[in-house]
Amino acid sequence: MNRMSTNFKLSRRSFLKGTAAVAAAAGAGWAGLKAPGWLQPATAAPPGVQEKVVRTICSPNCWQTCNHLVTVRDGRVVKTAPAPMPDREYDRICLRGLSHIQRIYHPDRLKYPMRRTGARGEGKWERISWDQAFNMIADKFKELRSQYGPQAVAVVHQSGNYGVLNGGYAGAYRFAGILESVLASGSVDQAIPTGFAAALGMGIFDAYSNECADWVNARTIILWGSACAESQINEWHFIQEAVEKGAHLVVIDPIYTTTAQKARTWVNLRPGSDTAFALGMLNIIISNKLYDADYALNNTCAPFLVREDTRLFVREKEKPLVWDTVTSRAVPFDTPGIKPALEGDFAVSGVKCRTVFARLKENVRDYTPEKVAELTGVKAELVTRVATLLATNRPGGIKFGFGADRYHHADLLGQALITLLGLTGNIGKSGNILGMFFAGFDPMVYNAGWLFPAGTFPKVLPLIQLQDTIIKQNPYPIKALYITCSNLLVQTTERNKWLKEVWPKVDFVVAVDQFFNNTLNYADLILPAAHYYETEEVVLAGDVPYIMYRQKAVDPVGEAKPDWEIYKGIASRLGFSQYFGTIEEESAKWLDVPLLRQQGITYQRLRQEQAIRFLPKPYIPWQDGKFKTPTGRLEFYLEKKVKEGEELPVFKWPLEAGPDNPLAAKYPLTLITRHEKFRIHSQYENQPWLRELNPEPVADLNPGEAQKRGIADGAMVEVFNDRGHVVLKCRYNEAIPPGVVHIQQGWWYYPAGHHQELTHANFKANTLNYSFFDVRVDVKKA
């Protein structure tokens, strides 16, 4: 199982010194200006040796999109370091970025196209040429498309690379659009944002929060289900800087994470009970009149009148009405000179109605601190303390992570969080944090003319529906998978279902990656992808307000190719070569959108400057109090969810993880598989330096839970439920609460089974999100 290499010369000691330096610099508030010694050339190149330093970008899905200075000596990368950004507070690198030297030259790196010669999963392959690979794919696609139609092929992509052409974004969209294939993606990290962003009238990954650099001005910071200090390392220094300036840091997480250890207040609630805690906060804020009445009346839907019979807004010519206390009548909400009532019961044309605020007050009335304590397992006083902080110690904000997103009803938590921020007036001011700052998709990715030049489109399918679609061959007769930027069998649920029910229905599986990971083992044809440093292209921002350009530092190892070149090779054999020009040509066309043109951002300028800010500085949205909703107000009352009884946030236990579930008797533990600092999802899993620090998968158990089962620290255990099992070593861990077993996500291999055998693919219709933590299991000695 241990796939560590012994061929690397740089020592663990040197590496640890480097990562310690990063941590020290980050803790001081900035990782670049106080540059430690390792940023300087360790050893000068001997005379006659060709050396250059290239600015490029690391862009996995950690959102950090770190700019690197890469030292290349005689055609090989010998060093990585953070590159200076135009705004120096965004200089950054992490331990994973520092390990790229090993990733590029790893002995297990895929170097050539390979064709399966044994059974799927048997590990027997033969090397073939790119011409053979392209012809094989094109011939099979032609055959299947002819027999079953264009949707016989599914392009499956996720977020393994933020490159525009070579990542899982614009390039994949164009390829799938040309083929008119199914395009399966998403279904991860989108439940909380669905509930949160709807109130703002924004897309779930739009730039709706203040930028990270402004977070240092917050006085109250709530990290909700976010292990920011490990999973988003480069955001953490902004949090730390705010704390050093006196901000009160609250961390809400069942696990005593590294992040929680830095908090002044830790809320260790029961897994899946987050929304109950949020409703308790709303109750405290409303009942103690801690809300910002002026903001609620003038910028939110709080005064809108709601019909008692339909629970829809009372409207006049589409405009919601409010009750004017001056004239004692209902008028459109934007009527000049009115003084709307915040709460009360009224009658309009004989129809009984109440304000949104009044309905919210009634909805949360039962969530007293004592009731919340009973549901969440935390002390009642914590509810009052955290609510009072958010409402009175302003400016403040809530940064959500995706720990709390991994449950069936997580959208309701998102809805509750934006309601909390709206009622407390923590929007539109310096120091506010609105969920997350993500600039990457707003709005450049929506260059539809570039994405679909032939006027043909893919059939977009949420990834969580791909399994059943293939099994039932409905609504699409999918017979071939083209998987890129995704370790599908490690990062999606119900692994046994993939292998036993889905794979037999698929005639042909192509997988593109840099390593022989778990998914590639079950492919029919594998293609070697180029590393970040081996490609050149535009890169989407993550949590930085820039559009960026990645320079190619070195040639690809072996015969590896950028994804764009692979698309081009296949498309040319299918008669679509005209849609795949050079990377330079297509990058320039993709960038040519009005938003960037107006700012003078061109391809030529971007290539020269490499990082150009495209959002105002500082980026603080909603300062004018006008939102993207139809009314321009913050609409935390969602009329579209009346049918489900979820127009306002309500608390519902998750599908499995709640204590009310009958499975609790058979499987008393909740399985949590959270991110760690050693990987980005399943990337970097096999990096030797990182493996020295994090050598093998373990099941973290509270010692009390382990001892109840007679399990010793370090013993091999089996984690199991009705769907599957995984065998691994037990580790006693006091940071894990009783009732929980924790396994770090992203491991490719175990002694037996896999943690994704334990998970399920049940989803809520309005979120289509994987509920990775909403899982019950038990543990026994293996």
Foldseek 3Di string as FASTA:
>chain_A
DFPFDPPDDDDLVVLVVVQVLQVVQLLVQARPPVDDPVQDDPDDDDPPKDKDWFWFWDFFPLQLGFIWTFIAINQATDFIAWDADPPRRSTDDHSLRRLVSCLQVPPQWDFAKWFADDAQLPPHIDGDHLLVVLVVVLVVQVVQCVVFNLQLEEEEFEGGGQFCCQHRALVVFQLQQVSLYEYAYDQAPFQLLLLQCVLQQDDSQAFFWFFLQLLLPWQEEEEELDLCVFSVVSSVSSVSNNVVVHHAYEYEDLFCHPSVVPHPHYHNWAQQLLLLLLLQLVLLCVVVVLFDVVLCLPFAQQQFKAFPPQRHFDDDPPATWFQFPVVRATDGSPDPPGDGDRWDWDAHPNTIIIGNNNVSNVQSNVSQLVNSCVQTVGHSVVSNVSSNCPQPRDDYEYAYDCLSVLFFNSSLVSLSRNVSCSRSVNAQDRNYTRHAGFHFVPPLSPPVCLSNVPPGGYNYDHNLCVLVCLLVVPPHVHAEYEYESDPDLQQAFQNVSCVPRRLVSHDAYEYEEGRCFQSVSRGRMYAYAFRSLQDWGWGTRTSDQKTFTGDRDRHRRNNHYRNLVSSLSNCVSVVRNVSRDDRLVSRQVSPPDPLCVVVVDGSVVRVVSGIDGSADVRHRPCNVSAGSDPNRHSYSQQSVCVVVVVSHRHRDGGPASGPVDPCCVVFVAFERAEAGNCANQQPNQNRNSSCVVVVDKEKEAAVVQCVVQPHDAQAWKWKDDPQWIAIDTYHHDNSNDPRYIYIHGNHRDGPDDHLSSQADSDHDVSRSHNSRRSGTIHMHGD
